Amino acid sequence: MTGVRISCWIVLGWAWAIAANGLAGSLPAAPPSSEPWPPGHVVIVEEPGATVRFEPVAERVAAMVNRGVTLVTGQPSPRAAWLSLVSPADVVGLKVVSAPGPICGTRPSTVAAVIRGLLDAGLPATNIVIWDRRLMDLRAAGYDDMARRFGIRLAGSLDEGYDERVFYDRPLLGQLLWGDLEFGRHGDGIGRKSFVSRLVSRQLTKIINLPPLLNHNQAGVVGALYSLAHASVDNFNRFESAPGQLASAVPEIYALPEVGDKVVLHIIDALICQYLGEDRTLLHYAVALDQLRFSRDPVALDILSLNELAHQRRQSGLEPRPARLELYQNAALLELGCASERLIQIERARPQTGIIQRPIDR
């Protein structure tokens, strides 16, 4: 297992040993923190002025990334922090959300800061891949220029094709779309499988997940769980129209060893929080939080994001929406993370005031 599934009740004390085993590159691995990854541990780095009129300030965002990765790993420097997660021998996929564009999707400045950190840690540029479901969305969001600048690769999971040997099987038939592996085929059982992209199953060895803080009408939040599951497999539309099916499928797809076990870190890009609109950029339903949120626990991050979205909607005088918790409760049952608000431990890093540790306040 290359990743760590964190439950609310089980502290995986051997997580650092697993991480260390993956550091077989030519550079020495950083020593592990004296503490194991605690369950539900989230680091929130806040920097007022990190955005100006919804435009990220690259230097401040880079400093936030460096601070967050050192705090969440317990390492003394950004280089040591990245080397505690990946090795120069790894092929590291930076999973972004590009369809909403560069303002309300994952911000390119956040991704650029991670790339610089990995390069400074000794990873070859050729071993870094920015990816999402569709290559055309990545290019429209401006990641093509970034890839050329750093000499790294862009990849769409759909464009790379799907792996017939690795799939999620659920007896729910949907309308297959062009690009799905079984599109155009006929026969018994056609359409009940969602195949994992070859990019994820065969090419990437580690994944750093970078979703924005953005609402999703069915899942509640685009988030760490939904964004990775949605982009990793084909034949996904069959789950979108049925919240109950989506609530089961997303955590079960994430739990596939070829998907979730490769994730070494989630960074929620909360520089801007858009609480309505999904893939459309609607800045009148957005607020600048100037935050980045770091954790190995996707469930805890998504629970915090759901609470933040609900809070921002209340602040705007909008009617409350029903809580979409079944997906996250199912994820906790699969030991993907902590869904209990009272057990989530938040470590806040603010300018001047330093670091404050306290439980969730909403």
Protein backbone atom coordinates (compact mmCIF):
# COMPACT_ATOMS: atom_id res chain seq x y z
CA MET A 1 0.00 0.00 0.00
CA THR A 2 1.53 3.34 -1.05
CA GLY A 3 -0.98 5.55 0.68
CA VAL A 4 -2.55 5.72 4.08
CA ARG A 5 -6.24 5.43 4.86
CA ILE A 6 -6.99 7.21 8.08
CA SER A 7 -10.02 6.30 10.18
CA CYS A 8 -11.39 8.20 13.12
CA TRP A 9 -10.61 5.33 15.44
CA ILE A 10 -7.38 3.77 14.18
CA VAL A 11 -4.05 5.59 14.24
CA LEU A 12 -1.88 4.03 11.58
CA GLY A 13 1.43 4.15 13.38
CA TRP A 14 3.26 2.48 10.53
CA ALA A 15 2.38 5.17 7.97
CA TRP A 16 5.84 6.72 8.01
CA ALA A 17 7.45 3.36 7.37
CA ILE A 18 5.32 2.95 4.27
CA ALA A 19 6.20 6.44 3.06
CA ALA A 20 9.88 5.78 3.65
CA ASN A 21 9.81 2.59 1.60
CA GLY A 22 8.80 4.63 -1.44
CA LEU A 23 11.87 6.87 -1.22
CA ALA A 24 14.30 4.78 -3.19
CA GLY A 25 15.66 7.54 -5.40
CA SER A 26 19.22 8.80 -5.64
CA LEU A 27 18.65 11.47 -2.99
CA PRO A 28 18.38 10.45 0.68
CA ALA A 29 14.95 10.50 2.23
CA ALA A 30 14.20 13.01 4.95
CA PRO A 31 13.84 11.51 8.42
CA PRO A 32 10.22 10.96 9.43
CA SER A 33 8.47 13.14 11.97
CA SER A 34 8.53 11.88 15.54
CA GLU A 35 4.73 11.70 15.38
CA PRO A 36 2.67 9.44 13.07
CA TRP A 37 0.01 10.95 10.86
CA PRO A 38 -2.82 11.63 13.32
CA PRO A 39 -6.39 10.86 12.29
CA GLY A 40 -8.34 13.83 10.98
CA HIS A 41 -5.32 16.14 11.06
CA VAL A 42 -5.75 19.22 8.86
CA VAL A 43 -3.38 22.16 8.46
CA ILE A 44 -4.96 25.44 7.32
CA VAL A 45 -2.54 28.13 6.15
CA GLU A 46 -4.11 31.57 5.92
CA GLU A 47 -2.46 34.61 4.36
CA PRO A 48 -4.51 37.80 4.08
CA GLY A 49 -3.70 39.40 0.75
CA ALA A 50 -2.93 36.09 -0.95
CA THR A 51 -5.50 37.18 -3.53
CA VAL A 52 -6.19 40.68 -4.84
CA ARG A 53 -9.55 41.09 -6.59
CA PHE A 54 -9.71 37.30 -6.97
CA GLU A 55 -6.24 37.15 -8.52
CA PRO A 56 -3.70 35.05 -6.55
CA VAL A 57 -0.40 36.70 -5.61
CA ALA A 58 2.12 34.08 -6.71
CA GLU A 59 4.84 34.84 -4.14
CA ARG A 60 2.43 34.66 -1.22
CA VAL A 61 0.83 31.47 -2.49
CA ALA A 62 4.27 29.87 -2.83
CA ALA A 63 5.10 30.78 0.77
CA MET A 64 1.78 29.27 1.88
CA VAL A 65 2.53 26.00 0.09
CA ASN A 66 5.99 25.78 1.66
CA ARG A 67 4.62 26.45 5.12
CA GLY A 68 1.72 24.05 4.77
CA VAL A 69 3.72 21.08 3.51
CA THR A 70 6.28 21.42 6.29
CA LEU A 71 3.60 21.66 8.98
CA VAL A 72 1.50 18.76 7.72
CA THR A 73 4.51 16.44 7.41
CA GLY A 74 6.34 17.67 10.51
CA GLN A 75 9.54 18.17 8.51
CA PRO A 76 12.05 21.00 9.00
CA SER A 77 12.08 22.28 5.40
CA PRO A 78 9.98 22.14 2.24
CA ARG A 79 12.58 19.92 0.55
CA ALA A 80 12.51 17.45 3.42
CA ALA A 81 8.72 17.58 3.45
CA TRP A 82 8.36 16.71 -0.23
CA LEU A 83 10.96 13.94 0.08
CA SER A 84 8.98 12.43 2.93
CA LEU A 85 6.07 12.05 0.48
CA VAL A 86 7.69 11.23 -2.87
CA SER A 87 11.06 10.22 -4.30
CA PRO A 88 12.89 11.34 -7.44
CA ALA A 89 12.08 7.92 -8.91
CA ASP A 90 8.31 8.52 -8.63
CA VAL A 91 6.06 9.72 -11.42
CA VAL A 92 3.94 12.26 -9.56
CA GLY A 93 0.53 13.29 -10.84
CA LEU A 94 -0.77 16.68 -9.75
CA LYS A 95 -4.54 16.25 -9.96
CA VAL A 96 -6.28 19.56 -10.65
CA VAL A 97 -9.85 20.62 -11.39
CA SER A 98 -9.64 22.54 -14.65
CA ALA A 99 -13.17 22.62 -16.12
CA PRO A 100 -14.25 25.73 -14.13
CA GLY A 101 -11.23 27.63 -15.47
CA PRO A 102 -8.29 29.28 -13.67
CA ILE A 103 -10.33 31.49 -11.31
CA CYS A 104 -12.74 29.06 -9.66
CA GLY A 105 -10.98 25.83 -10.59
CA THR A 106 -7.60 24.91 -9.14
CA ARG A 107 -5.49 28.05 -9.39
CA PRO A 108 -2.35 27.71 -11.52
CA SER A 109 -0.33 29.66 -8.94
CA THR A 110 -0.99 26.92 -6.37
CA VAL A 111 0.07 24.22 -8.82
CA ALA A 112 3.19 26.16 -9.83
CA ALA A 113 4.25 26.41 -6.18
CA VAL A 114 3.95 22.64 -5.77
CA ILE A 115 5.92 22.05 -8.97
CA ARG A 116 8.75 24.30 -7.77
CA GLY A 117 8.82 22.45 -4.46
CA LEU A 118 9.09 19.07 -6.20
CA LEU A 119 11.79 20.31 -8.57
CA ASP A 120 13.77 21.77 -5.66
CA ALA A 121 13.48 18.38 -3.95
CA GLY A 122 15.20 16.73 -6.91
CA LEU A 123 12.33 15.33 -8.95
CA PRO A 124 13.01 15.41 -12.69
CA ALA A 125 10.60 17.64 -14.58
CA THR A 126 9.76 14.68 -16.81
CA ASN A 127 8.40 12.84 -13.74
CA ILE A 128 5.76 15.49 -12.97
CA VAL A 129 2.34 15.35 -14.67
CA ILE A 130 -0.52 17.83 -14.33
CA TRP A 131 -3.71 15.91 -15.03
CA ASP A 132 -7.47 16.06 -15.05
CA ARG A 133 -10.22 14.24 -16.89
CA ARG A 134 -9.90 16.09 -20.21
CA LEU A 135 -6.81 17.53 -21.82
CA MET A 136 -8.89 20.22 -23.53
CA ASP A 137 -9.99 21.59 -20.14
CA LEU A 138 -6.39 21.73 -18.93
CA ARG A 139 -5.38 23.71 -21.98
CA ALA A 140 -8.35 26.06 -21.69
CA ALA A 141 -7.40 26.77 -18.05
CA GLY A 142 -3.87 27.79 -19.06
CA TYR A 143 -1.93 24.73 -17.93
CA ASP A 144 -0.41 24.26 -21.37
CA ASP A 145 1.80 27.33 -20.86
CA MET A 146 2.78 26.10 -17.40
CA ALA A 147 3.76 22.70 -18.73
CA ARG A 148 6.00 24.27 -21.36
CA ARG A 149 7.56 26.65 -18.84
CA PHE A 150 8.54 23.90 -16.42
CA GLY A 151 9.16 21.18 -19.00
CA ILE A 152 6.54 18.89 -17.46
CA ARG A 153 3.68 16.95 -18.98
CA LEU A 154 -0.08 17.52 -19.28
CA ALA A 155 -2.40 14.54 -19.45
CA GLY A 156 -6.12 13.90 -19.64
CA SER A 157 -7.24 10.63 -18.08
CA LEU A 158 -9.86 10.21 -20.81
CA ASP A 159 -7.34 10.97 -23.54
CA GLU A 160 -4.89 8.36 -22.19
CA GLY A 161 -7.50 5.60 -22.52
CA TYR A 162 -8.73 3.07 -20.00
CA ASP A 163 -7.33 -0.13 -18.51
CA GLU A 164 -9.44 -3.23 -19.24
CA ARG A 165 -7.83 -5.03 -16.30
CA VAL A 166 -8.72 -2.49 -13.60
CA PHE A 167 -12.33 -1.44 -13.06
CA TYR A 168 -15.13 -0.65 -10.63
CA ASP A 169 -18.10 -2.97 -11.11
CA ARG A 170 -21.59 -1.85 -10.12
CA PRO A 171 -24.90 -3.22 -11.53
CA LEU A 172 -26.14 0.17 -12.65
CA LEU A 173 -26.40 0.70 -16.37
CA GLY A 174 -26.04 4.11 -17.92
CA GLN A 175 -25.65 5.55 -21.38
CA LEU A 176 -22.07 5.05 -22.47
CA LEU A 177 -20.42 8.11 -23.99
CA TRP A 178 -17.75 8.52 -26.61
CA GLY A 179 -14.41 7.94 -24.89
CA ASP A 180 -15.76 5.29 -22.51
CA LEU A 181 -13.93 2.02 -23.05
CA GLU A 182 -17.08 0.04 -23.87
CA PHE A 183 -18.69 2.72 -26.04
CA GLY A 184 -20.19 1.06 -29.11
CA ARG A 185 -20.00 -2.44 -27.68
CA HIS A 186 -23.04 -4.66 -27.13
CA GLY A 187 -23.73 -7.69 -25.00
CA ASP A 188 -24.45 -8.84 -21.46
CA GLY A 189 -22.77 -6.79 -18.77
CA ILE A 190 -21.78 -3.94 -21.08
CA GLY A 191 -22.04 -0.65 -19.22
CA ARG A 192 -21.86 -1.93 -15.65
CA LYS A 193 -18.12 -1.33 -15.25
CA SER A 194 -16.17 1.88 -14.82
CA PHE A 195 -12.61 1.32 -16.02
CA VAL A 196 -9.65 3.10 -14.45
CA SER A 197 -7.61 5.33 -16.74
CA ARG A 198 -4.29 3.89 -17.85
CA LEU A 199 -2.74 7.16 -16.72
CA VAL A 200 -3.72 6.33 -13.13
CA SER A 201 -3.30 2.55 -13.17
CA ARG A 202 -0.07 2.25 -15.18
CA GLN A 203 1.80 5.55 -15.32
CA LEU A 204 1.50 7.48 -12.06
CA THR A 205 3.13 6.13 -8.90
CA LYS A 206 2.09 8.98 -6.56
CA ILE A 207 -0.74 11.54 -6.66
CA ILE A 208 -0.98 14.97 -5.06
CA ASN A 209 -4.63 16.04 -5.20
CA LEU A 210 -5.36 19.78 -5.58
CA PRO A 211 -9.11 20.45 -5.79
CA PRO A 212 -10.61 23.93 -5.30
CA LEU A 213 -13.18 24.81 -2.65
CA LEU A 214 -16.16 24.62 -4.98
CA ASN A 215 -19.73 23.43 -4.54
CA HIS A 216 -21.19 20.40 -6.29
CA ASN A 217 -24.96 20.04 -6.41
CA GLN A 218 -25.00 16.27 -5.84
CA ALA A 219 -21.81 15.52 -3.89
CA GLY A 220 -22.01 18.76 -1.90
CA VAL A 221 -18.44 19.74 -2.73
CA VAL A 222 -16.14 18.99 -5.67
CA GLY A 223 -13.61 18.12 -3.01
CA ALA A 224 -10.87 15.59 -2.44
CA LEU A 225 -12.99 12.46 -2.87
CA TYR A 226 -15.31 13.38 -5.73
CA SER A 227 -12.74 15.15 -7.90
CA LEU A 228 -10.31 12.23 -7.88
CA ALA A 229 -12.93 9.51 -8.34
CA HIS A 230 -14.64 11.38 -11.18
CA ALA A 231 -11.43 11.89 -13.13
CA SER A 232 -9.99 8.40 -12.59
CA VAL A 233 -12.65 6.24 -14.31
CA ASP A 234 -14.94 6.17 -17.33
CA ASN A 235 -18.70 5.53 -17.40
CA PHE A 236 -19.19 7.91 -14.47
CA ASN A 237 -22.29 9.77 -15.66
CA ARG A 238 -24.51 6.89 -14.52
CA PHE A 239 -23.90 7.94 -10.91
CA GLU A 240 -24.45 11.68 -11.33
CA SER A 241 -28.25 11.62 -11.51
CA ALA A 242 -28.73 9.43 -8.43
CA PRO A 243 -27.34 10.86 -5.15
CA GLY A 244 -27.57 7.48 -3.42
CA GLN A 245 -25.53 5.79 -6.15
CA LEU A 246 -23.02 8.63 -6.17
CA ALA A 247 -22.64 8.39 -2.40
CA SER A 248 -21.62 4.74 -2.76
CA ALA A 249 -19.61 4.93 -5.97
CA VAL A 250 -17.31 7.85 -5.13
CA PRO A 251 -15.74 6.36 -1.97
CA GLU A 252 -15.61 2.89 -3.49
CA ILE A 253 -13.78 4.16 -6.59
CA TYR A 254 -11.42 6.18 -4.41
CA ALA A 255 -10.78 3.02 -2.35
CA LEU A 256 -9.47 1.11 -5.37
CA PRO A 257 -5.77 0.40 -4.69
CA GLU A 258 -4.84 1.82 -8.09
CA VAL A 259 -6.48 5.14 -7.15
CA GLY A 260 -6.58 6.11 -3.47
CA ASP A 261 -3.50 4.19 -2.40
CA LYS A 262 -1.37 6.41 -4.64
CA VAL A 263 -2.47 9.65 -2.97
CA VAL A 264 0.21 11.09 -0.68
CA LEU A 265 -1.31 14.51 0.01
CA HIS A 266 -4.43 16.60 -0.56
CA ILE A 267 -4.22 20.38 -0.82
CA ILE A 268 -7.58 22.14 -0.94
CA ASP A 269 -7.17 25.37 -2.89
CA ALA A 270 -9.34 27.59 -0.70
CA LEU A 271 -7.88 30.87 -1.91
CA ILE A 272 -11.39 31.44 -3.26
CA CYS A 273 -14.56 29.69 -2.11
CA GLN A 274 -17.34 29.52 -4.69
CA TYR A 275 -20.47 28.32 -2.90
CA LEU A 276 -22.82 28.13 -5.93
CA GLY A 277 -22.31 27.49 -9.62
CA GLU A 278 -20.29 24.28 -9.91
CA ASP A 279 -18.30 24.40 -13.18
CA ARG A 280 -19.41 27.94 -14.03
CA THR A 281 -17.36 30.84 -12.73
CA LEU A 282 -19.82 32.98 -10.73
CA LEU A 283 -17.82 35.43 -8.66
CA HIS A 284 -20.96 36.99 -7.16
CA TYR A 285 -21.30 33.62 -5.38
CA ALA A 286 -17.66 33.55 -4.32
CA VAL A 287 -15.56 34.89 -1.47
CA ALA A 288 -11.79 35.11 -1.08
CA LEU A 289 -10.70 33.05 1.94
CA ASP A 290 -6.96 33.31 1.21
CA GLN A 291 -6.41 29.79 2.56
CA LEU A 292 -4.76 26.53 1.56
CA ARG A 293 -5.74 23.36 3.45
CA PHE A 294 -3.41 20.37 3.74
CA SER A 295 -4.08 16.81 4.89
CA ARG A 296 -3.64 13.13 4.16
CA ASP A 297 -7.30 12.73 5.16
CA PRO A 298 -9.69 13.43 2.25
CA VAL A 299 -12.83 12.92 4.32
CA ALA A 300 -11.88 15.44 7.01
CA LEU A 301 -11.04 18.00 4.33
CA ASP A 302 -14.34 17.48 2.55
CA ILE A 303 -16.33 17.75 5.80
CA LEU A 304 -14.63 21.09 6.49
CA SER A 305 -15.38 22.20 2.94
CA LEU A 306 -19.06 21.28 3.26
CA ASN A 307 -19.26 23.32 6.46
CA GLU A 308 -17.50 26.28 4.82
CA LEU A 309 -19.84 26.25 1.84
CA ALA A 310 -22.89 26.11 4.13
CA HIS A 311 -21.48 28.97 6.22
CA GLN A 312 -20.87 31.17 3.18
CA ARG A 313 -24.38 30.51 1.86
CA ARG A 314 -25.84 31.50 5.23
CA GLN A 315 -23.72 34.64 5.25
CA SER A 316 -25.17 35.55 1.85
CA GLY A 317 -28.74 35.05 3.04
CA LEU A 318 -29.36 32.00 0.87
CA GLU A 319 -31.66 29.23 1.95
CA PRO A 320 -29.87 26.28 3.53
CA ARG A 321 -29.44 23.14 1.48
CA PRO A 322 -29.87 19.61 2.80
CA ALA A 323 -26.60 18.21 4.07
CA ARG A 324 -24.96 15.72 1.67
CA LEU A 325 -23.29 13.53 4.27
CA GLU A 326 -24.00 9.98 3.10
CA LEU A 327 -21.03 9.97 0.72
CA TYR A 328 -18.65 11.02 3.50
CA GLN A 329 -20.14 8.63 6.04
CA ASN A 330 -19.63 5.82 3.53
CA ALA A 331 -16.03 6.95 3.03
CA ALA A 332 -15.45 6.81 6.78
CA LEU A 333 -16.87 3.28 6.90
CA LEU A 334 -14.28 2.34 4.26
CA GLU A 335 -11.61 3.88 6.55
CA LEU A 336 -10.73 6.56 4.02
CA GLY A 337 -10.80 9.27 6.67
CA CYS A 338 -12.56 10.96 9.54
CA ALA A 339 -16.16 12.15 9.09
CA SER A 340 -16.73 13.12 12.74
CA GLU A 341 -16.53 16.89 13.16
CA ARG A 342 -15.51 16.70 16.79
CA LEU A 343 -12.53 14.46 15.98
CA ILE A 344 -11.09 16.65 13.23
CA GLN A 345 -7.99 18.41 14.58
CA ILE A 346 -7.29 21.70 12.85
CA GLU A 347 -3.87 23.32 12.99
CA ARG A 348 -4.13 26.91 11.82
CA ALA A 349 -1.11 28.85 10.64
CA ARG A 350 -1.66 32.59 10.47
CA PRO A 351 0.75 35.47 10.02
CA GLN A 352 2.00 37.05 13.25
CA THR A 353 -0.07 34.86 15.56
CA GLY A 354 1.79 31.67 14.68
CA ILE A 355 0.09 28.30 15.01
CA ILE A 356 -3.12 27.60 16.87
CA GLN A 357 -4.47 24.10 17.36
CA ARG A 358 -8.15 23.66 18.06
CA PRO A 359 -11.09 21.49 17.00
CA ILE A 360 -13.48 22.46 14.26
CA ASP A 361 -15.53 25.55 15.17
CA ARG A 362 -18.44 25.08 12.75
